[in-house]
N, C-alpha and C. Protein backbone atom coordinates (compact mmCIF):
# COMPACT_ATOMS: atom_id res chain seq x y z
N MET A 1 40.31 31.06 193.36
CA MET A 1 41.75 31.20 193.47
C MET A 1 42.25 32.20 192.42
N PRO A 2 43.28 33.00 192.75
CA PRO A 2 43.81 33.94 191.77
C PRO A 2 44.47 33.22 190.61
N THR A 3 44.38 33.83 189.44
CA THR A 3 45.01 33.24 188.26
C THR A 3 46.52 33.41 188.35
N PRO A 4 47.28 32.32 188.18
CA PRO A 4 48.75 32.44 188.25
C PRO A 4 49.27 33.42 187.21
N ALA A 5 50.26 34.20 187.60
CA ALA A 5 50.85 35.15 186.66
C ALA A 5 51.63 34.39 185.58
N ALA A 6 51.57 34.91 184.37
CA ALA A 6 52.30 34.28 183.27
C ALA A 6 53.80 34.42 183.51
N SER A 7 54.55 33.40 183.11
CA SER A 7 56.00 33.47 183.22
C SER A 7 56.52 34.53 182.27
N PRO A 8 57.71 35.09 182.55
CA PRO A 8 58.28 36.08 181.64
C PRO A 8 58.40 35.57 180.21
N ALA A 9 58.79 34.30 180.06
CA ALA A 9 58.94 33.75 178.71
C ALA A 9 57.60 33.67 178.00
N ALA A 10 56.56 33.25 178.73
CA ALA A 10 55.23 33.14 178.13
C ALA A 10 54.69 34.52 177.76
N LEU A 11 54.94 35.50 178.62
CA LEU A 11 54.48 36.85 178.33
C LEU A 11 55.19 37.40 177.11
N LEU A 12 56.47 37.17 177.01
CA LEU A 12 57.22 37.64 175.85
C LEU A 12 56.72 36.97 174.57
N ASP A 13 56.46 35.67 174.62
CA ASP A 13 55.94 34.97 173.45
C ASP A 13 54.59 35.55 173.01
N ALA A 14 53.73 35.85 174.00
CA ALA A 14 52.42 36.40 173.68
C ALA A 14 52.54 37.78 173.05
N ARG A 15 53.42 38.60 173.60
CA ARG A 15 53.62 39.94 173.05
C ARG A 15 54.19 39.87 171.64
N LEU A 16 55.11 38.95 171.42
CA LEU A 16 55.73 38.82 170.10
C LEU A 16 54.70 38.34 169.08
N GLN A 17 53.86 37.39 169.46
CA GLN A 17 52.84 36.89 168.55
C GLN A 17 51.84 38.00 168.19
N GLU A 18 51.45 38.77 169.19
CA GLU A 18 50.52 39.88 168.93
C GLU A 18 51.18 40.92 168.03
N PHE A 19 52.42 41.24 168.32
CA PHE A 19 53.16 42.23 167.53
C PHE A 19 53.23 41.80 166.06
N ASN A 20 53.49 40.52 165.83
CA ASN A 20 53.66 40.02 164.48
C ASN A 20 52.35 39.84 163.73
N LEU A 21 51.34 39.32 164.40
CA LEU A 21 50.13 38.86 163.71
C LEU A 21 48.88 39.68 164.01
N LEU A 22 48.81 40.32 165.16
CA LEU A 22 47.60 41.07 165.54
C LEU A 22 47.96 42.47 166.01
N PRO A 23 48.63 43.25 165.17
CA PRO A 23 49.07 44.58 165.62
C PRO A 23 47.94 45.53 165.97
N SER A 24 46.73 45.26 165.48
CA SER A 24 45.62 46.16 165.80
C SER A 24 45.29 46.15 167.29
N ARG A 25 45.68 45.11 168.01
CA ARG A 25 45.37 45.03 169.44
C ARG A 25 46.17 46.02 170.27
N SER A 26 47.24 46.54 169.73
CA SER A 26 48.05 47.47 170.51
C SER A 26 48.17 48.84 169.84
N LEU A 27 47.25 49.14 168.94
CA LEU A 27 47.25 50.44 168.28
C LEU A 27 47.02 51.56 169.29
N HIS A 28 47.64 52.71 169.03
CA HIS A 28 47.34 53.90 169.82
C HIS A 28 45.88 54.29 169.62
N ALA A 29 45.27 54.86 170.64
CA ALA A 29 43.84 55.19 170.60
C ALA A 29 43.48 56.08 169.41
N GLU A 30 44.36 57.01 169.05
CA GLU A 30 44.07 57.88 167.91
C GLU A 30 43.99 57.09 166.62
N ARG A 31 44.76 56.03 166.52
CA ARG A 31 44.75 55.22 165.30
C ARG A 31 43.56 54.27 165.29
N VAL A 32 43.14 53.82 166.47
CA VAL A 32 41.98 52.93 166.54
C VAL A 32 40.75 53.61 165.99
N ARG A 33 40.59 54.89 166.28
CA ARG A 33 39.39 55.61 165.84
C ARG A 33 39.27 55.66 164.33
N ALA A 34 40.38 55.48 163.62
CA ALA A 34 40.35 55.53 162.16
C ALA A 34 39.98 54.19 161.53
N LEU A 35 39.86 53.13 162.35
CA LEU A 35 39.56 51.81 161.81
C LEU A 35 38.09 51.68 161.47
N ASP A 36 37.81 50.98 160.40
CA ASP A 36 36.43 50.74 159.98
C ASP A 36 35.72 49.86 161.01
N GLY A 37 34.62 50.39 161.58
CA GLY A 37 33.85 49.62 162.54
C GLY A 37 34.30 49.76 163.98
N ALA A 38 35.32 50.58 164.24
CA ALA A 38 35.85 50.70 165.60
C ALA A 38 34.83 51.30 166.56
N GLY A 39 33.92 52.14 166.05
CA GLY A 39 32.94 52.76 166.93
C GLY A 39 31.65 51.97 167.06
N ASP A 40 31.57 50.82 166.41
CA ASP A 40 30.35 50.02 166.45
C ASP A 40 30.13 49.45 167.85
N VAL A 41 28.91 49.53 168.35
CA VAL A 41 28.59 49.00 169.66
C VAL A 41 28.90 47.51 169.73
N LEU A 42 28.71 46.80 168.60
CA LEU A 42 28.95 45.36 168.58
C LEU A 42 30.40 45.04 168.83
N ALA A 43 31.27 46.03 168.60
CA ALA A 43 32.69 45.78 168.81
C ALA A 43 33.01 45.52 170.28
N GLN A 44 32.06 45.80 171.17
CA GLN A 44 32.28 45.54 172.58
C GLN A 44 32.10 44.06 172.91
N GLN A 45 31.50 43.28 172.03
CA GLN A 45 31.31 41.87 172.26
C GLN A 45 32.59 41.11 171.90
N PRO A 46 33.05 40.22 172.78
CA PRO A 46 34.34 39.56 172.56
C PRO A 46 34.46 38.86 171.21
N ALA A 47 33.44 38.15 170.79
CA ALA A 47 33.53 37.42 169.53
C ALA A 47 33.67 38.38 168.36
N VAL A 48 32.94 39.49 168.42
CA VAL A 48 33.03 40.49 167.35
C VAL A 48 34.40 41.17 167.39
N GLN A 49 34.87 41.45 168.59
CA GLN A 49 36.20 42.05 168.73
C GLN A 49 37.27 41.18 168.07
N ARG A 50 37.22 39.88 168.34
CA ARG A 50 38.23 38.99 167.77
C ARG A 50 38.18 39.02 166.25
N ALA A 51 36.98 38.99 165.70
CA ALA A 51 36.84 39.01 164.24
C ALA A 51 37.34 40.32 163.66
N LEU A 52 36.98 41.43 164.32
CA LEU A 52 37.42 42.72 163.83
C LEU A 52 38.93 42.86 163.89
N HIS A 53 39.54 42.39 164.97
CA HIS A 53 40.98 42.50 165.07
C HIS A 53 41.69 41.65 164.02
N ARG A 54 41.14 40.51 163.71
CA ARG A 54 41.74 39.70 162.63
C ARG A 54 41.68 40.47 161.31
N ARG A 55 40.53 41.10 161.05
CA ARG A 55 40.38 41.85 159.80
C ARG A 55 41.28 43.09 159.79
N TRP A 56 41.24 43.84 160.88
CA TRP A 56 42.06 45.05 160.95
C TRP A 56 43.55 44.72 160.84
N SER A 57 43.98 43.69 161.53
CA SER A 57 45.40 43.34 161.51
C SER A 57 45.83 42.90 160.12
N ALA A 58 44.97 42.16 159.43
CA ALA A 58 45.30 41.76 158.06
C ALA A 58 45.46 42.99 157.17
N GLN A 59 44.61 43.98 157.36
CA GLN A 59 44.70 45.21 156.57
C GLN A 59 45.98 45.97 156.90
N LEU A 60 46.31 46.04 158.18
CA LEU A 60 47.53 46.74 158.58
C LEU A 60 48.77 46.05 158.02
N LEU A 61 48.82 44.75 158.14
CA LEU A 61 49.98 44.01 157.64
C LEU A 61 50.11 44.13 156.12
N ALA A 62 48.97 44.21 155.44
CA ALA A 62 49.01 44.39 153.99
C ALA A 62 49.67 45.72 153.63
N GLN A 63 49.47 46.72 154.49
CA GLN A 63 50.09 48.03 154.25
C GLN A 63 51.61 47.97 154.34
N LEU A 64 52.13 47.01 155.09
CA LEU A 64 53.57 46.90 155.26
C LEU A 64 54.26 46.32 154.03
N GLY A 65 53.51 45.63 153.19
CA GLY A 65 54.10 45.07 151.99
C GLY A 65 55.24 44.12 152.30
N GLU A 66 56.41 44.39 151.75
CA GLU A 66 57.57 43.51 151.92
C GLU A 66 58.08 43.50 153.37
N HIS A 67 57.64 44.46 154.18
CA HIS A 67 58.11 44.52 155.56
C HIS A 67 57.16 43.82 156.54
N ALA A 68 56.23 43.06 156.01
CA ALA A 68 55.25 42.38 156.87
C ALA A 68 55.76 41.07 157.45
N GLN A 69 56.97 40.67 157.09
CA GLN A 69 57.48 39.40 157.61
C GLN A 69 57.58 39.48 159.13
N PRO A 70 57.31 38.37 159.81
CA PRO A 70 57.33 38.39 161.28
C PRO A 70 58.72 38.63 161.84
N VAL A 71 58.76 39.27 162.99
CA VAL A 71 60.01 39.51 163.70
C VAL A 71 60.30 38.29 164.56
N ARG A 72 61.45 37.69 164.38
CA ARG A 72 61.82 36.50 165.15
C ARG A 72 63.10 36.71 165.96
N ASP A 73 63.97 37.56 165.48
CA ASP A 73 65.25 37.80 166.16
C ASP A 73 65.02 38.81 167.28
N LEU A 74 65.29 38.39 168.51
CA LEU A 74 65.06 39.25 169.68
C LEU A 74 66.31 40.02 170.09
N SER A 75 67.31 40.08 169.23
CA SER A 75 68.58 40.68 169.64
C SER A 75 68.60 42.20 169.50
N HIS A 76 67.68 42.79 168.73
CA HIS A 76 67.73 44.24 168.57
C HIS A 76 67.38 44.92 169.88
N ALA A 77 68.17 45.91 170.24
CA ALA A 77 68.02 46.55 171.55
C ALA A 77 66.73 47.34 171.69
N ALA A 78 66.04 47.64 170.59
CA ALA A 78 64.79 48.40 170.69
C ALA A 78 63.59 47.52 171.01
N LEU A 79 63.73 46.21 170.95
CA LEU A 79 62.57 45.33 171.11
C LEU A 79 61.90 45.41 172.49
N PRO A 80 62.62 45.62 173.59
CA PRO A 80 61.91 45.78 174.86
C PRO A 80 60.93 46.94 174.83
N LEU A 81 61.23 47.95 174.04
CA LEU A 81 60.32 49.09 173.88
C LEU A 81 59.22 48.75 172.88
N ALA A 82 59.61 48.21 171.75
CA ALA A 82 58.64 47.94 170.69
C ALA A 82 57.58 46.92 171.09
N LEU A 83 57.97 45.93 171.90
CA LEU A 83 57.04 44.87 172.29
C LEU A 83 56.30 45.18 173.59
N ALA A 84 56.60 46.28 174.23
CA ALA A 84 55.95 46.61 175.50
C ALA A 84 54.45 46.77 175.34
N ALA A 85 53.71 46.36 176.35
CA ALA A 85 52.26 46.53 176.34
C ALA A 85 51.92 48.02 176.28
N PRO A 86 50.79 48.38 175.67
CA PRO A 86 50.43 49.79 175.56
C PRO A 86 50.42 50.54 176.89
N ALA A 87 49.95 49.88 177.95
CA ALA A 87 49.91 50.56 179.25
C ALA A 87 51.32 50.89 179.74
N LEU A 88 52.25 49.95 179.59
CA LEU A 88 53.63 50.19 180.00
C LEU A 88 54.26 51.26 179.12
N LEU A 89 53.97 51.22 177.83
CA LEU A 89 54.51 52.22 176.92
C LEU A 89 54.00 53.62 177.27
N GLY A 90 52.74 53.70 177.69
CA GLY A 90 52.18 54.98 178.10
C GLY A 90 52.87 55.53 179.33
N ARG A 91 53.14 54.65 180.31
CA ARG A 91 53.86 55.08 181.51
C ARG A 91 55.27 55.52 181.17
N LEU A 92 55.89 54.79 180.25
CA LEU A 92 57.24 55.14 179.83
C LEU A 92 57.25 56.50 179.13
N ALA A 93 56.27 56.74 178.27
CA ALA A 93 56.19 58.02 177.57
C ALA A 93 56.06 59.17 178.56
N ARG A 94 55.23 58.99 179.58
CA ARG A 94 55.08 60.05 180.57
C ARG A 94 56.39 60.30 181.31
N ASP A 95 57.07 59.24 181.75
CA ASP A 95 58.34 59.41 182.45
C ASP A 95 59.39 60.04 181.55
N ALA A 96 59.41 59.63 180.28
CA ALA A 96 60.39 60.19 179.35
C ALA A 96 60.11 61.67 179.12
N GLY A 97 58.83 62.02 178.96
CA GLY A 97 58.49 63.42 178.76
C GLY A 97 58.81 64.27 179.96
N VAL A 98 58.53 63.75 181.15
CA VAL A 98 58.85 64.48 182.38
C VAL A 98 60.36 64.67 182.49
N THR A 99 61.12 63.66 182.07
CA THR A 99 62.58 63.78 182.08
C THR A 99 63.03 64.92 181.17
N LEU A 100 62.44 65.01 179.98
CA LEU A 100 62.81 66.08 179.06
C LEU A 100 62.36 67.45 179.56
N LEU A 101 61.31 67.49 180.36
CA LEU A 101 60.84 68.75 180.95
C LEU A 101 61.48 69.00 182.32
N GLY A 102 62.41 68.14 182.69
CA GLY A 102 62.97 68.21 184.04
C GLY A 102 63.60 69.55 184.37
N GLY A 103 64.35 70.12 183.44
CA GLY A 103 64.99 71.40 183.69
C GLY A 103 63.96 72.48 184.01
N HIS A 104 62.92 72.52 183.21
CA HIS A 104 61.84 73.49 183.44
C HIS A 104 61.18 73.26 184.80
N LEU A 105 60.92 72.01 185.14
CA LEU A 105 60.24 71.71 186.40
C LEU A 105 61.14 72.00 187.60
N ARG A 106 62.44 71.82 187.44
CA ARG A 106 63.36 72.15 188.54
C ARG A 106 63.48 73.66 188.73
N ARG A 107 63.25 74.41 187.67
CA ARG A 107 63.29 75.87 187.78
C ARG A 107 61.97 76.46 188.26
N THR A 108 60.95 75.63 188.31
CA THR A 108 59.63 76.09 188.74
C THR A 108 59.58 76.12 190.27
N ILE A 109 59.53 77.31 190.84
CA ILE A 109 59.57 77.44 192.30
C ILE A 109 58.39 78.22 192.86
N ALA A 110 57.72 79.01 192.03
CA ALA A 110 56.56 79.76 192.53
C ALA A 110 55.50 78.78 193.01
N ARG A 111 54.89 79.08 194.14
CA ARG A 111 53.98 78.14 194.78
C ARG A 111 52.84 77.72 193.86
N ASP A 112 52.19 78.68 193.22
CA ASP A 112 51.06 78.35 192.35
C ASP A 112 51.50 77.50 191.17
N ALA A 113 52.66 77.79 190.62
CA ALA A 113 53.17 77.03 189.47
C ALA A 113 53.52 75.61 189.89
N VAL A 114 54.09 75.47 191.09
CA VAL A 114 54.41 74.13 191.58
C VAL A 114 53.15 73.32 191.81
N LEU A 115 52.13 73.95 192.37
CA LEU A 115 50.86 73.26 192.60
C LEU A 115 50.22 72.85 191.27
N GLN A 116 50.33 73.73 190.30
CA GLN A 116 49.78 73.41 188.97
C GLN A 116 50.51 72.23 188.35
N ALA A 117 51.83 72.23 188.47
CA ALA A 117 52.62 71.12 187.92
C ALA A 117 52.30 69.82 188.64
N ARG A 118 52.14 69.91 189.95
CA ARG A 118 51.82 68.71 190.72
C ARG A 118 50.45 68.17 190.34
N SER A 119 49.50 69.06 190.10
CA SER A 119 48.16 68.64 189.70
C SER A 119 48.17 68.00 188.32
N ALA A 120 48.97 68.54 187.41
CA ALA A 120 49.00 68.04 186.03
C ALA A 120 49.75 66.72 185.92
N LEU A 121 50.84 66.58 186.66
CA LEU A 121 51.73 65.44 186.46
C LEU A 121 51.69 64.42 187.59
N GLY A 122 51.25 64.82 188.78
CA GLY A 122 51.25 63.92 189.92
C GLY A 122 52.52 64.05 190.74
N ASP A 123 52.42 63.63 191.98
CA ASP A 123 53.55 63.75 192.90
C ASP A 123 54.77 62.97 192.43
N ALA A 124 54.55 61.73 192.01
CA ALA A 124 55.68 60.87 191.64
C ALA A 124 56.45 61.46 190.46
N SER A 125 55.75 61.97 189.45
CA SER A 125 56.43 62.53 188.28
C SER A 125 57.20 63.79 188.64
N LEU A 126 56.60 64.65 189.46
CA LEU A 126 57.30 65.87 189.83
C LEU A 126 58.52 65.56 190.69
N ASP A 127 58.39 64.60 191.59
CA ASP A 127 59.53 64.20 192.41
C ASP A 127 60.65 63.63 191.54
N TRP A 128 60.28 62.82 190.54
CA TRP A 128 61.28 62.26 189.64
C TRP A 128 62.00 63.37 188.87
N ALA A 129 61.25 64.35 188.37
CA ALA A 129 61.85 65.44 187.62
C ALA A 129 62.87 66.19 188.46
N ARG A 130 62.60 66.31 189.74
CA ARG A 130 63.44 67.12 190.61
C ARG A 130 64.59 66.34 191.24
N GLN A 131 64.44 65.02 191.34
CA GLN A 131 65.41 64.26 192.13
C GLN A 131 66.24 63.27 191.32
N GLY A 132 65.73 62.78 190.21
CA GLY A 132 66.48 61.75 189.49
C GLY A 132 66.68 62.00 188.01
N ALA A 133 65.80 62.79 187.41
CA ALA A 133 65.81 62.92 185.95
C ALA A 133 67.08 63.57 185.43
N ALA A 134 67.64 64.51 186.16
CA ALA A 134 68.81 65.24 185.66
C ALA A 134 70.00 64.33 185.41
N ALA A 135 70.06 63.19 186.09
CA ALA A 135 71.17 62.26 185.88
C ALA A 135 71.09 61.60 184.51
N LEU A 136 69.90 61.60 183.90
CA LEU A 136 69.72 60.96 182.60
C LEU A 136 69.69 61.96 181.45
N HIS A 137 69.16 63.15 181.71
CA HIS A 137 69.04 64.17 180.66
C HIS A 137 68.89 65.53 181.33
N PRO A 138 69.57 66.56 180.83
CA PRO A 138 69.47 67.86 181.49
C PRO A 138 68.13 68.56 181.31
N GLY A 139 67.35 68.09 180.37
CA GLY A 139 66.08 68.74 180.09
C GLY A 139 66.21 69.71 178.93
N LEU A 140 65.09 70.00 178.31
CA LEU A 140 65.09 70.90 177.15
C LEU A 140 65.40 72.33 177.59
N GLU A 141 66.14 73.03 176.76
CA GLU A 141 66.48 74.41 177.10
C GLU A 141 65.27 75.34 176.95
N ALA A 142 64.45 75.08 175.94
CA ALA A 142 63.30 75.96 175.67
C ALA A 142 62.05 75.12 175.48
N PRO A 143 61.42 74.68 176.58
CA PRO A 143 60.27 73.79 176.46
C PRO A 143 58.95 74.49 176.20
N GLY A 144 58.98 75.82 176.11
CA GLY A 144 57.74 76.58 176.02
C GLY A 144 56.72 76.07 175.00
N PRO A 145 57.12 75.85 173.74
CA PRO A 145 56.14 75.40 172.75
C PRO A 145 55.51 74.05 173.09
N TRP A 146 56.26 73.21 173.80
CA TRP A 146 55.77 71.87 174.09
C TRP A 146 54.77 71.87 175.24
N ILE A 147 54.92 72.81 176.17
CA ILE A 147 54.03 72.80 177.34
C ILE A 147 52.87 73.76 177.20
N ALA A 148 52.81 74.48 176.08
CA ALA A 148 51.71 75.42 175.88
C ALA A 148 50.34 74.76 176.00
N PRO A 149 50.15 73.54 175.45
CA PRO A 149 48.83 72.89 175.60
C PRO A 149 48.58 72.33 176.99
N GLY A 150 49.60 72.32 177.85
CA GLY A 150 49.49 71.73 179.19
C GLY A 150 50.69 70.86 179.47
N LEU A 151 51.11 70.83 180.73
CA LEU A 151 52.28 70.04 181.09
C LEU A 151 52.09 68.56 180.80
N ASP A 152 50.92 68.03 181.12
CA ASP A 152 50.69 66.60 180.92
C ASP A 152 50.70 66.24 179.45
N ARG A 153 50.01 67.01 178.63
CA ARG A 153 49.98 66.72 177.20
C ARG A 153 51.36 66.91 176.57
N GLY A 154 52.07 67.95 177.02
CA GLY A 154 53.41 68.17 176.52
C GLY A 154 54.35 67.04 176.87
N ALA A 155 54.27 66.58 178.12
CA ALA A 155 55.13 65.47 178.55
C ALA A 155 54.83 64.21 177.75
N ASP A 156 53.56 63.90 177.56
CA ASP A 156 53.20 62.68 176.84
C ASP A 156 53.65 62.73 175.39
N LEU A 157 53.52 63.89 174.75
CA LEU A 157 53.94 64.00 173.35
C LEU A 157 55.46 63.91 173.23
N LEU A 158 56.17 64.64 174.09
CA LEU A 158 57.63 64.59 174.04
C LEU A 158 58.14 63.19 174.33
N GLY A 159 57.53 62.54 175.33
CA GLY A 159 57.96 61.19 175.68
C GLY A 159 57.71 60.20 174.56
N ALA A 160 56.56 60.31 173.91
CA ALA A 160 56.27 59.42 172.79
C ALA A 160 57.23 59.69 171.64
N GLY A 161 57.58 60.95 171.43
CA GLY A 161 58.55 61.28 170.39
C GLY A 161 59.92 60.68 170.68
N LEU A 162 60.32 60.69 171.95
CA LEU A 162 61.59 60.08 172.33
C LEU A 162 61.57 58.58 172.07
N ILE A 163 60.45 57.94 172.39
CA ILE A 163 60.32 56.50 172.13
C ILE A 163 60.40 56.21 170.63
N ALA A 164 59.69 57.03 169.84
CA ALA A 164 59.76 56.84 168.39
C ALA A 164 61.19 56.99 167.88
N GLN A 165 61.93 57.94 168.45
CA GLN A 165 63.33 58.11 168.07
C GLN A 165 64.16 56.91 168.49
N ALA A 166 63.79 56.29 169.61
CA ALA A 166 64.57 55.17 170.15
C ALA A 166 64.55 53.94 169.25
N TRP A 167 63.50 53.77 168.46
CA TRP A 167 63.48 52.62 167.54
C TRP A 167 63.54 53.07 166.08
N HIS A 168 63.91 54.33 165.85
CA HIS A 168 63.88 54.87 164.49
C HIS A 168 64.90 54.19 163.58
N ASP A 169 65.97 53.61 164.16
CA ASP A 169 66.97 52.93 163.33
C ASP A 169 66.77 51.42 163.31
N ALA A 170 65.67 50.94 163.88
CA ALA A 170 65.40 49.50 163.88
C ALA A 170 64.98 49.04 162.48
N PRO A 171 65.13 47.76 162.17
CA PRO A 171 64.65 47.24 160.88
C PRO A 171 63.18 47.57 160.68
N ALA A 172 62.79 47.77 159.45
CA ALA A 172 61.42 48.21 159.14
C ALA A 172 60.33 47.32 159.73
N PRO A 173 60.46 45.98 159.74
CA PRO A 173 59.40 45.16 160.33
C PRO A 173 59.17 45.47 161.82
N ILE A 174 60.22 45.92 162.51
CA ILE A 174 60.06 46.32 163.92
C ILE A 174 59.53 47.74 163.99
N ARG A 175 60.21 48.65 163.32
CA ARG A 175 59.89 50.08 163.45
C ARG A 175 58.47 50.41 163.02
N LEU A 176 58.04 49.88 161.89
CA LEU A 176 56.73 50.24 161.37
C LEU A 176 55.60 49.72 162.26
N ARG A 177 55.75 48.50 162.76
CA ARG A 177 54.75 47.98 163.69
C ARG A 177 54.74 48.77 164.99
N ALA A 178 55.94 49.07 165.50
CA ALA A 178 56.05 49.79 166.76
C ALA A 178 55.47 51.20 166.65
N ASP A 179 55.67 51.84 165.51
CA ASP A 179 55.14 53.20 165.33
C ASP A 179 53.63 53.25 165.52
N TRP A 180 52.94 52.18 165.19
CA TRP A 180 51.49 52.16 165.34
C TRP A 180 51.05 52.27 166.79
N LYS A 181 51.94 51.99 167.73
CA LYS A 181 51.59 52.06 169.14
C LYS A 181 51.61 53.49 169.68
N LEU A 182 52.11 54.41 168.89
CA LEU A 182 52.26 55.79 169.33
C LEU A 182 51.33 56.72 168.56
N ALA A 183 51.07 57.88 169.15
CA ALA A 183 50.25 58.89 168.47
C ALA A 183 50.91 59.31 167.17
N PRO A 184 50.13 59.54 166.11
CA PRO A 184 50.73 59.94 164.83
C PRO A 184 51.65 61.15 164.95
N ALA A 185 51.30 62.12 165.79
CA ALA A 185 52.13 63.33 165.91
C ALA A 185 53.52 63.01 166.42
N ALA A 186 53.64 61.99 167.26
CA ALA A 186 54.95 61.63 167.81
C ALA A 186 55.82 60.96 166.76
N VAL A 187 55.21 60.27 165.83
CA VAL A 187 55.94 59.50 164.82
C VAL A 187 56.22 60.34 163.58
N ASP A 188 55.22 61.09 163.16
CA ASP A 188 55.27 61.74 161.85
C ASP A 188 55.85 63.15 161.88
N THR A 189 56.11 63.69 163.06
CA THR A 189 56.62 65.06 163.17
C THR A 189 58.10 65.00 163.57
N PRO A 190 59.01 65.24 162.65
CA PRO A 190 60.44 65.14 162.98
C PRO A 190 60.84 65.99 164.19
N ALA A 191 60.23 67.17 164.35
CA ALA A 191 60.60 68.04 165.47
C ALA A 191 60.29 67.39 166.81
N VAL A 192 59.25 66.57 166.86
CA VAL A 192 58.90 65.89 168.11
C VAL A 192 59.93 64.82 168.41
N ARG A 193 60.27 64.02 167.42
CA ARG A 193 61.26 62.97 167.62
C ARG A 193 62.63 63.55 167.97
N ALA A 194 62.95 64.72 167.41
CA ALA A 194 64.29 65.29 167.59
C ALA A 194 64.38 66.24 168.77
N ALA A 195 63.29 66.44 169.49
CA ALA A 195 63.28 67.46 170.54
C ALA A 195 64.35 67.22 171.61
N SER A 196 64.65 65.96 171.88
CA SER A 196 65.63 65.63 172.92
C SER A 196 67.06 65.93 172.47
N THR A 197 67.27 66.12 171.17
CA THR A 197 68.58 66.28 170.51
C THR A 197 69.39 64.98 170.52
N LEU A 198 68.78 63.87 170.89
CA LEU A 198 69.47 62.58 170.92
C LEU A 198 69.27 61.85 169.61
N ASP A 199 70.29 61.11 169.17
CA ASP A 199 70.10 60.23 168.03
C ASP A 199 69.38 58.97 168.51
N ALA A 200 69.12 58.05 167.59
CA ALA A 200 68.34 56.86 167.95
C ALA A 200 69.00 56.07 169.07
N ARG A 201 70.30 55.91 169.00
CA ARG A 201 70.99 55.13 170.04
C ARG A 201 70.89 55.82 171.40
N GLY A 202 71.10 57.13 171.43
CA GLY A 202 71.00 57.85 172.69
C GLY A 202 69.60 57.84 173.25
N ALA A 203 68.60 58.01 172.38
CA ALA A 203 67.21 57.97 172.83
C ALA A 203 66.86 56.59 173.37
N ARG A 204 67.38 55.56 172.71
CA ARG A 204 67.11 54.19 173.15
C ARG A 204 67.74 53.93 174.53
N GLN A 205 68.95 54.38 174.71
CA GLN A 205 69.60 54.19 176.00
C GLN A 205 68.81 54.87 177.12
N LEU A 206 68.35 56.08 176.86
CA LEU A 206 67.56 56.80 177.87
C LEU A 206 66.26 56.07 178.15
N CYS A 207 65.56 55.63 177.10
CA CYS A 207 64.29 54.92 177.30
C CYS A 207 64.49 53.60 178.05
N LEU A 208 65.56 52.90 177.74
CA LEU A 208 65.80 51.63 178.43
C LEU A 208 66.14 51.86 179.91
N GLN A 209 66.83 52.95 180.21
CA GLN A 209 67.10 53.27 181.61
C GLN A 209 65.80 53.57 182.36
N LEU A 210 64.90 54.26 181.69
CA LEU A 210 63.61 54.54 182.30
C LEU A 210 62.78 53.27 182.43
N LEU A 211 62.85 52.41 181.43
CA LEU A 211 62.12 51.15 181.48
C LEU A 211 62.63 50.27 182.62
N ALA A 212 63.91 50.33 182.89
CA ALA A 212 64.47 49.55 184.00
C ALA A 212 63.88 49.98 185.34
N ARG A 213 63.49 51.24 185.46
CA ARG A 213 62.83 51.72 186.68
C ARG A 213 61.39 51.21 186.76
N LEU A 214 60.74 51.16 185.62
CA LEU A 214 59.32 50.84 185.59
C LEU A 214 59.03 49.34 185.66
N ASP A 215 59.79 48.56 184.89
CA ASP A 215 59.51 47.12 184.81
C ASP A 215 60.79 46.35 184.52
N PRO A 216 61.65 46.19 185.52
CA PRO A 216 62.93 45.50 185.28
C PRO A 216 62.75 44.05 184.85
N ALA A 217 61.68 43.40 185.30
CA ALA A 217 61.46 42.01 184.92
C ALA A 217 61.22 41.89 183.42
N TRP A 218 60.42 42.79 182.88
CA TRP A 218 60.17 42.79 181.43
C TRP A 218 61.48 43.03 180.68
N LEU A 219 62.24 43.99 181.10
CA LEU A 219 63.48 44.32 180.42
C LEU A 219 64.46 43.15 180.44
N SER A 220 64.49 42.42 181.54
CA SER A 220 65.44 41.32 181.67
C SER A 220 65.10 40.12 180.80
N SER A 221 63.93 40.13 180.17
CA SER A 221 63.52 39.02 179.30
C SER A 221 64.24 39.02 177.96
N PHE A 222 64.96 40.09 177.66
CA PHE A 222 65.54 40.26 176.32
C PHE A 222 67.04 40.01 176.35
N PRO A 223 67.53 39.21 175.40
CA PRO A 223 68.95 38.86 175.37
C PRO A 223 69.86 40.07 175.34
N ALA A 224 69.48 41.12 174.60
CA ALA A 224 70.35 42.27 174.42
C ALA A 224 70.53 43.09 175.69
N THR A 225 69.68 42.86 176.68
CA THR A 225 69.76 43.67 177.90
C THR A 225 70.36 42.91 179.07
N ARG A 226 70.72 41.66 178.85
CA ARG A 226 71.28 40.87 179.96
C ARG A 226 72.78 41.12 180.09
């Protein structure tokens, strides 16, 4: 028989517990590679994984110092983003980045360029850029530097930067833990966070609108969004 899906409340509790006590479980892949023992073959064994995550998380929380206290108040509007599972956050980053590149993608009409964009981003992302994204953000005026490494990489970096901006004004116990879920370049490079020209509140509003498209059930679990 299929395993029953967790209730929204149970899922939220699990995400909050992981966020507070086991932040290493949701680290961005670039940050995982810097952990001691992350490349060990034994780390593939569940028992070893659990032990390593306990050790890694203790080390990460120690780095927070006075900001290591657990987050209990769910009223901050950035928490639906900060507590999101890495997979959902990755999808959100891609959609956010495509939204910021929307102007460029709408101006792309040459057949080969359109095919290249479709190959890099997928049909759904390109359709979103052309049909819905402009209602949320006009797109960057000069996206050239961001797309030089590739449309997909540019979208992911810009989107992650927008997410980092969205919780940049959150209390340190939220912001610092949440930053670990993103690539260092998105968090540590002010130009990436500021590329949208939105302040934290504006970036958060845009990200929450995108999150409502991706997972409305998750978003509705939070008091601030009801």
